[in-house]
């Protein structure tokens, strides 16, 4: 599933980045690497997500979220 399909309050483990190469490198520099656990904190009307990655909050737009493949985690936030 893509991160865009994520539900507020749940945690997900990143399985892959399916976006342009330059964007992939930027996301990796921000800590969005394969195996990293992210928490969806909020969802905006525009489709953007506010996520928490390694203690940092990031706002990611709809197009980028749709290119981040994740797997649901069962542990608590």
PDB file of N, CA and C in Angstrom:
ATOM      1  N   UNK A   1       0.841  -1.183   0.000  1.00  0.00           N
ATOM      2  CA  UNK A   1       0.000   0.000   0.000  1.00  0.00           C
ATOM      3  C   UNK A   1       0.884   1.243   0.000  1.00  0.00           C
ATOM      4  N   UNK A   2       0.322   2.357  -0.396  1.00  0.00           N
ATOM      5  CA  UNK A   2       1.099   3.600  -0.390  1.00  0.00           C
ATOM      6  C   UNK A   2       0.871   4.352   0.917  1.00  0.00           C
ATOM      7  N   UNK A   3       1.779   5.217   1.262  1.00  0.00           N
ATOM      8  CA  UNK A   3       1.655   6.017   2.481  1.00  0.00           C
ATOM      9  C   UNK A   3       0.404   6.887   2.418  1.00  0.00           C
ATOM     10  N   UNK A   4       0.009   7.296   1.224  1.00  0.00           N
ATOM     11  CA  UNK A   4      -1.190   8.118   1.059  1.00  0.00           C
ATOM     12  C   UNK A   4      -2.434   7.422   1.601  1.00  0.00           C
ATOM     13  N   UNK A   5      -2.462   6.097   1.565  1.00  0.00           N
ATOM     14  CA  UNK A   5      -3.590   5.312   2.066  1.00  0.00           C
ATOM     15  C   UNK A   5      -3.538   5.140   3.583  1.00  0.00           C
ATOM     16  N   UNK A   6      -2.480   5.623   4.213  1.00  0.00           N
ATOM     17  CA  UNK A   6      -2.303   5.474   5.654  1.00  0.00           C
ATOM     18  C   UNK A   6      -3.377   6.181   6.460  1.00  0.00           C
ATOM     19  N   UNK A   7      -3.626   5.665   7.639  1.00  0.00           N
ATOM     20  CA  UNK A   7      -4.662   6.181   8.524  1.00  0.00           C
ATOM     21  C   UNK A   7      -4.010   6.956   9.668  1.00  0.00           C
ATOM     22  N   UNK A   8      -4.602   8.095   9.997  1.00  0.00           N
ATOM     23  CA  UNK A   8      -4.100   8.942  11.078  1.00  0.00           C
ATOM     24  C   UNK A   8      -3.988   8.139  12.371  1.00  0.00           C
ATOM     25  N   UNK A   9      -2.835   8.242  13.027  1.00  0.00           N
ATOM     26  CA  UNK A   9      -2.607   7.550  14.285  1.00  0.00           C
ATOM     27  C   UNK A   9      -1.919   6.197  14.142  1.00  0.00           C
ATOM     28  N   UNK A  10      -1.772   5.701  12.931  1.00  0.00           N
ATOM     29  CA  UNK A  10      -1.130   4.398  12.719  1.00  0.00           C
ATOM     30  C   UNK A  10       0.332   4.562  12.335  1.00  0.00           C
ATOM     31  N   UNK A  11       1.082   3.472  12.513  1.00  0.00           N
ATOM     32  CA  UNK A  11       2.502   3.449  12.162  1.00  0.00           C
ATOM     33  C   UNK A  11       2.715   2.517  10.977  1.00  0.00           C
ATOM     34  N   UNK A  12       3.706   2.885  10.151  1.00  0.00           N
ATOM     35  CA  UNK A  12       3.985   2.123   8.939  1.00  0.00           C
ATOM     36  C   UNK A  12       5.490   2.007   8.755  1.00  0.00           C
ATOM     37  N   UNK A  13       5.917   0.900   8.166  1.00  0.00           N
ATOM     38  CA  UNK A  13       7.320   0.693   7.847  1.00  0.00           C
ATOM     39  C   UNK A  13       7.497   0.888   6.348  1.00  0.00           C
ATOM     40  N   UNK A  14       8.475   1.693   5.971  1.00  0.00           N
ATOM     41  CA  UNK A  14       8.714   1.988   4.563  1.00  0.00           C
ATOM     42  C   UNK A  14       9.318   0.761   3.887  1.00  0.00           C
ATOM     43  N   UNK A  15       8.735   0.388   2.738  1.00  0.00           N
ATOM     44  CA  UNK A  15       9.202  -0.760   1.965  1.00  0.00           C
ATOM     45  C   UNK A  15       9.889  -0.344   0.681  1.00  0.00           C
ATOM     46  N   UNK A  16       9.633   0.867   0.210  1.00  0.00           N
ATOM     47  CA  UNK A  16      10.274   1.317  -1.021  1.00  0.00           C
ATOM     48  C   UNK A  16       9.820   2.706  -1.423  1.00  0.00           C
ATOM     49  N   UNK A  17      10.661   3.378  -2.201  1.00  0.00           N
ATOM     50  CA  UNK A  17      10.349   4.704  -2.727  1.00  0.00           C
ATOM     51  C   UNK A  17      10.214   4.587  -4.236  1.00  0.00           C
ATOM     52  N   UNK A  18       9.056   4.944  -4.761  1.00  0.00           N
ATOM     53  CA  UNK A  18       8.779   4.834  -6.197  1.00  0.00           C
ATOM     54  C   UNK A  18       8.518   6.226  -6.769  1.00  0.00           C
ATOM     55  N   UNK A  19       9.513   7.104  -6.632  1.00  0.00           N
ATOM     56  CA  UNK A  19       9.428   8.473  -7.144  1.00  0.00           C
ATOM     57  C   UNK A  19      10.686   8.766  -7.954  1.00  0.00           C
ATOM     58  N   UNK A  20      10.764   9.961  -8.519  1.00  0.00           N
ATOM     59  CA  UNK A  20      11.923  10.339  -9.324  1.00  0.00           C
ATOM     60  C   UNK A  20      13.219  10.192  -8.527  1.00  0.00           C
ATOM     61  N   UNK A  21      14.320   9.958  -9.220  1.00  0.00           N
ATOM     62  CA  UNK A  21      15.613   9.704  -8.568  1.00  0.00           C
ATOM     63  C   UNK A  21      16.039  10.852  -7.650  1.00  0.00           C
ATOM     64  N   UNK A  22      15.925  12.083  -8.115  1.00  0.00           N
ATOM     65  CA  UNK A  22      16.329  13.229  -7.294  1.00  0.00           C
ATOM     66  C   UNK A  22      15.469  13.326  -6.038  1.00  0.00           C
ATOM     67  N   UNK A  23      14.182  13.064  -6.168  1.00  0.00           N
ATOM     68  CA  UNK A  23      13.274  13.096  -5.024  1.00  0.00           C
ATOM     69  C   UNK A  23      13.572  11.947  -4.070  1.00  0.00           C
ATOM     70  N   UNK A  24      13.912  10.795  -4.616  1.00  0.00           N
ATOM     71  CA  UNK A  24      14.286   9.648  -3.784  1.00  0.00           C
ATOM     72  C   UNK A  24      15.488   9.993  -2.909  1.00  0.00           C
ATOM     73  N   UNK A  25      16.506  10.604  -3.506  1.00  0.00           N
ATOM     74  CA  UNK A  25      17.702  10.985  -2.732  1.00  0.00           C
ATOM     75  C   UNK A  25      17.361  11.996  -1.644  1.00  0.00           C
ATOM     76  N   UNK A  26      16.472  12.950  -1.945  1.00  0.00           N
ATOM     77  CA  UNK A  26      16.077  13.953  -0.958  1.00  0.00           C
ATOM     78  C   UNK A  26      15.322  13.307   0.203  1.00  0.00           C
ATOM     79  N   UNK A  27      14.400  12.411  -0.107  1.00  0.00           N
ATOM     80  CA  UNK A  27      13.648  11.720   0.937  1.00  0.00           C
ATOM     81  C   UNK A  27      14.568  10.870   1.807  1.00  0.00           C
ATOM     82  N   UNK A  28      15.538  10.216   1.181  1.00  0.00           N
ATOM     83  CA  UNK A  28      16.494   9.421   1.951  1.00  0.00           C
ATOM     84  C   UNK A  28      17.333  10.309   2.863  1.00  0.00           C
ATOM     85  N   UNK A  29      17.688  11.498   2.404  1.00  0.00           N
ATOM     86  CA  UNK A  29      18.444  12.436   3.229  1.00  0.00           C
ATOM     87  C   UNK A  29      17.617  12.898   4.431  1.00  0.00           C
ATOM     88  N   UNK A  30      16.298  12.915   4.278  1.00  0.00           N
ATOM     89  CA  UNK A  30      15.402  13.302   5.376  1.00  0.00           C
ATOM     90  C   UNK A  30      15.110  12.131   6.321  1.00  0.00           C
ATOM     91  N   UNK A  31      15.622  10.950   6.004  1.00  0.00           N
ATOM     92  CA  UNK A  31      15.445   9.797   6.879  1.00  0.00           C
ATOM     93  C   UNK A  31      14.398   8.808   6.428  1.00  0.00           C
ATOM     94  N   UNK A  32      13.815   9.018   5.258  1.00  0.00           N
ATOM     95  CA  UNK A  32      12.796   8.095   4.748  1.00  0.00           C
ATOM     96  C   UNK A  32      13.472   6.996   3.929  1.00  0.00           C
ATOM     97  N   UNK A  33      14.080   6.060   4.630  1.00  0.00           N
ATOM     98  CA  UNK A  33      14.783   4.940   4.007  1.00  0.00           C
ATOM     99  C   UNK A  33      13.972   3.661   4.186  1.00  0.00           C
ATOM    100  N   UNK A  34      14.287   2.660   3.393  1.00  0.00           N
ATOM    101  CA  UNK A  34      13.621   1.375   3.528  1.00  0.00           C
ATOM    102  C   UNK A  34      13.844   0.827   4.938  1.00  0.00           C
ATOM    103  N   UNK A  35      12.760   0.396   5.578  1.00  0.00           N
ATOM    104  CA  UNK A  35      12.839  -0.141   6.932  1.00  0.00           C
ATOM    105  C   UNK A  35      12.555   0.878   8.019  1.00  0.00           C
ATOM    106  N   UNK A  36      12.495   2.149   7.674  1.00  0.00           N
ATOM    107  CA  UNK A  36      12.211   3.206   8.652  1.00  0.00           C
ATOM    108  C   UNK A  36      10.729   3.185   9.013  1.00  0.00           C
ATOM    109  N   UNK A  37      10.433   3.358  10.296  1.00  0.00           N
ATOM    110  CA  UNK A  37       9.052   3.395  10.765  1.00  0.00           C
ATOM    111  C   UNK A  37       8.599   4.853  10.833  1.00  0.00           C
ATOM    112  N   UNK A  38       7.426   5.125  10.254  1.00  0.00           N
ATOM    113  CA  UNK A  38       6.852   6.472  10.276  1.00  0.00           C
ATOM    114  C   UNK A  38       5.462   6.403  10.899  1.00  0.00           C
ATOM    115  N   UNK A  39       5.048   7.493  11.530  1.00  0.00           N
ATOM    116  CA  UNK A  39       3.712   7.591  12.111  1.00  0.00           C
ATOM    117  C   UNK A  39       2.949   8.691  11.396  1.00  0.00           C
ATOM    118  N   UNK A  40       1.711   8.422  11.010  1.00  0.00           N
ATOM    119  CA  UNK A  40       0.870   9.430  10.385  1.00  0.00           C
ATOM    120  C   UNK A  40       0.219  10.237  11.503  1.00  0.00           C
ATOM    121  N   UNK A  41       0.558  11.531  11.579  1.00  0.00           N
ATOM    122  CA  UNK A  41       0.041  12.389  12.635  1.00  0.00           C
ATOM    123  C   UNK A  41      -1.231  13.112  12.232  1.00  0.00           C
ATOM    124  N   UNK A  42      -1.323  13.531  10.977  1.00  0.00           N
ATOM    125  CA  UNK A  42      -2.481  14.302  10.537  1.00  0.00           C
ATOM    126  C   UNK A  42      -2.628  14.212   9.024  1.00  0.00           C
ATOM    127  N   UNK A  43      -3.830  14.454   8.542  1.00  0.00           N
ATOM    128  CA  UNK A  43      -4.121  14.458   7.117  1.00  0.00           C
ATOM    129  C   UNK A  43      -4.802  15.780   6.790  1.00  0.00           C
ATOM    130  N   UNK A  44      -4.256  16.502   5.818  1.00  0.00           N
ATOM    131  CA  UNK A  44      -4.816  17.780   5.404  1.00  0.00           C
ATOM    132  C   UNK A  44      -5.826  17.582   4.282  1.00  0.00           C
ATOM    133  N   UNK A  45      -6.699  18.550   4.092  1.00  0.00           N
ATOM    134  CA  UNK A  45      -7.723  18.459   3.039  1.00  0.00           C
ATOM    135  C   UNK A  45      -7.119  18.373   1.642  1.00  0.00           C
ATOM    136  N   UNK A  46      -5.972  18.997   1.467  1.00  0.00           N
ATOM    137  CA  UNK A  46      -5.321  18.993   0.154  1.00  0.00           C
ATOM    138  C   UNK A  46      -4.730  17.629  -0.195  1.00  0.00           C
ATOM    139  N   UNK A  47      -4.696  16.715   0.753  1.00  0.00           N
ATOM    140  CA  UNK A  47      -4.134  15.397   0.526  1.00  0.00           C
ATOM    141  C   UNK A  47      -2.758  15.224   1.138  1.00  0.00           C
ATOM    142  N   UNK A  48      -2.201  16.318   1.660  1.00  0.00           N
ATOM    143  CA  UNK A  48      -0.885  16.236   2.297  1.00  0.00           C
ATOM    144  C   UNK A  48      -0.987  15.498   3.630  1.00  0.00           C
ATOM    145  N   UNK A  49       0.103  14.847   4.001  1.00  0.00           N
ATOM    146  CA  UNK A  49       0.166  14.153   5.283  1.00  0.00           C
ATOM    147  C   UNK A  49       1.234  14.796   6.158  1.00  0.00           C
ATOM    148  N   UNK A  50       0.967  14.845   7.454  1.00  0.00           N
ATOM    149  CA  UNK A  50       1.983  15.223   8.431  1.00  0.00           C
ATOM    150  C   UNK A  50       2.422  13.908   9.060  1.00  0.00           C
ATOM    151  N   UNK A  51       3.701  13.595   8.917  1.00  0.00           N
ATOM    152  CA  UNK A  51       4.213  12.338   9.458  1.00  0.00           C
ATOM    153  C   UNK A  51       5.344  12.614  10.443  1.00  0.00           C
ATOM    154  N   UNK A  52       5.609  11.631  11.284  1.00  0.00           N
ATOM    155  CA  UNK A  52       6.740  11.722  12.198  1.00  0.00           C
ATOM    156  C   UNK A  52       7.751  10.659  11.807  1.00  0.00           C
ATOM    157  N   UNK A  53       8.990  11.106  11.593  1.00  0.00           N
ATOM    158  CA  UNK A  53      10.080  10.226  11.202  1.00  0.00           C
ATOM    159  C   UNK A  53      11.247  10.479  12.140  1.00  0.00           C
ATOM    160  N   UNK A  54      11.618   9.480  12.908  1.00  0.00           N
ATOM    161  CA  UNK A  54      12.769   9.587  13.816  1.00  0.00           C
ATOM    162  C   UNK A  54      12.727  10.856  14.655  1.00  0.00           C
ATOM    163  N   UNK A  55      11.560  11.190  15.209  1.00  0.00           N
ATOM    164  CA  UNK A  55      11.418  12.341  16.086  1.00  0.00           C
ATOM    165  C   UNK A  55      11.200  13.667  15.383  1.00  0.00           C
ATOM    166  N   UNK A  56      11.135  13.679  14.064  1.00  0.00           N
ATOM    167  CA  UNK A  56      10.948  14.912  13.302  1.00  0.00           C
ATOM    168  C   UNK A  56       9.625  14.851  12.552  1.00  0.00           C
ATOM    169  N   UNK A  57       8.907  15.967  12.542  1.00  0.00           N
ATOM    170  CA  UNK A  57       7.653  16.041  11.794  1.00  0.00           C
ATOM    171  C   UNK A  57       7.923  16.557  10.392  1.00  0.00           C
ATOM    172  N   UNK A  58       7.300  15.908   9.412  1.00  0.00           N
ATOM    173  CA  UNK A  58       7.434  16.312   8.014  1.00  0.00           C
ATOM    174  C   UNK A  58       6.053  16.420   7.383  1.00  0.00           C
ATOM    175  N   UNK A  59       5.888  17.396   6.501  1.00  0.00           N
ATOM    176  CA  UNK A  59       4.675  17.507   5.697  1.00  0.00           C
ATOM    177  C   UNK A  59       5.033  17.014   4.304  1.00  0.00           C
ATOM    178  N   UNK A  60       4.270  16.049   3.808  1.00  0.00           N
ATOM    179  CA  UNK A  60       4.551  15.464   2.500  1.00  0.00           C
ATOM    180  C   UNK A  60       3.286  15.540   1.658  1.00  0.00           C
ATOM    181  N   UNK A  61       3.425  16.040   0.447  1.00  0.00           N
ATOM    182  CA  UNK A  61       2.289  16.195  -0.455  1.00  0.00           C
ATOM    183  C   UNK A  61       1.753  14.883  -0.988  1.00  0.00           C
ATOM    184  N   UNK A  62       0.561  14.957  -1.561  1.00  0.00           N
ATOM    185  CA  UNK A  62      -0.145  13.789  -2.074  1.00  0.00           C
ATOM    186  C   UNK A  62       0.679  13.015  -3.105  1.00  0.00           C
ATOM    187  N   UNK A  63       1.257  13.703  -4.071  1.00  0.00           N
ATOM    188  CA  UNK A  63       2.018  13.036  -5.138  1.00  0.00           C
ATOM    189  C   UNK A  63       3.178  12.219  -4.566  1.00  0.00           C
ATOM    190  N   UNK A  64       3.883  12.788  -3.606  1.00  0.00           N
ATOM    191  CA  UNK A  64       5.022  12.088  -3.000  1.00  0.00           C
ATOM    192  C   UNK A  64       4.539  10.919  -2.155  1.00  0.00           C
ATOM    193  N   UNK A  65       3.479  11.116  -1.377  1.00  0.00           N
ATOM    194  CA  UNK A  65       2.936  10.046  -0.527  1.00  0.00           C
ATOM    195  C   UNK A  65       2.502   8.833  -1.346  1.00  0.00           C
ATOM    196  N   UNK A  66       1.986   9.083  -2.530  1.00  0.00           N
ATOM    197  CA  UNK A  66       1.538   7.979  -3.365  1.00  0.00           C
ATOM    198  C   UNK A  66       2.712   7.158  -3.891  1.00  0.00           C
ATOM    199  N   UNK A  67       3.914   7.708  -3.862  1.00  0.00           N
ATOM    200  CA  UNK A  67       5.093   7.000  -4.338  1.00  0.00           C
ATOM    201  C   UNK A  67       5.907   6.337  -3.241  1.00  0.00           C
ATOM    202  N   UNK A  68       5.406   6.359  -2.011  1.00  0.00           N
ATOM    203  CA  UNK A  68       6.106   5.723  -0.891  1.00  0.00           C
ATOM    204  C   UNK A  68       5.337   4.468  -0.499  1.00  0.00           C
ATOM    205  N   UNK A  69       5.937   3.319  -0.746  1.00  0.00           N
ATOM    206  CA  UNK A  69       5.307   2.039  -0.417  1.00  0.00           C
ATOM    207  C   UNK A  69       5.585   1.695   1.047  1.00  0.00           C
ATOM    208  N   UNK A  70       4.529   1.328   1.782  1.00  0.00           N
ATOM    209  CA  UNK A  70       4.660   1.025   3.203  1.00  0.00           C
ATOM    210  C   UNK A  70       3.926  -0.258   3.557  1.00  0.00           C
ATOM    211  N   UNK A  71       4.215  -0.730   4.761  1.00  0.00           N
ATOM    212  CA  UNK A  71       3.536  -1.894   5.327  1.00  0.00           C
ATOM    213  C   UNK A  71       3.095  -1.502   6.726  1.00  0.00           C
ATOM    214  N   UNK A  72       1.874  -1.848   7.097  1.00  0.00           N
ATOM    215  CA  UNK A  72       1.333  -1.484   8.411  1.00  0.00           C
ATOM    216  C   UNK A  72       2.118  -2.169   9.531  1.00  0.00           C
ATOM    217  N   UNK A  73       2.289  -1.452  10.644  1.00  0.00           N
ATOM    218  CA  UNK A  73       2.920  -2.002  11.849  1.00  0.00           C
ATOM    219  C   UNK A  73       1.828  -2.231  12.882  1.00  0.00           C
ATOM    220  N   UNK A  74       1.992  -3.236  13.710  1.00  0.00           N
ATOM    221  CA  UNK A  74       0.974  -3.553  14.715  1.00  0.00           C
ATOM    222  C   UNK A  74       1.281  -2.952  16.074  1.00  0.00           C
ATOM    223  N   UNK A  75       2.485  -2.419  16.273  1.00  0.00           N
ATOM    224  CA  UNK A  75       2.829  -1.846  17.578  1.00  0.00           C
ATOM    225  C   UNK A  75       2.146  -0.490  17.742  1.00  0.00           C
ATOM    226  N   UNK A  76       2.025  -0.043  18.979  1.00  0.00           N
ATOM    227  CA  UNK A  76       1.343   1.204  19.319  1.00  0.00           C
ATOM    228  C   UNK A  76       2.211   2.420  19.018  1.00  0.00           C
ATOM    229  N   UNK A  77       1.547   3.586  18.815  1.00  0.00           N
ATOM    230  CA  UNK A  77       2.249   4.851  18.559  1.00  0.00           C
ATOM    231  C   UNK A  77       2.890   5.343  19.822  1.00  0.00           C
TER     232      UNK A  77
END
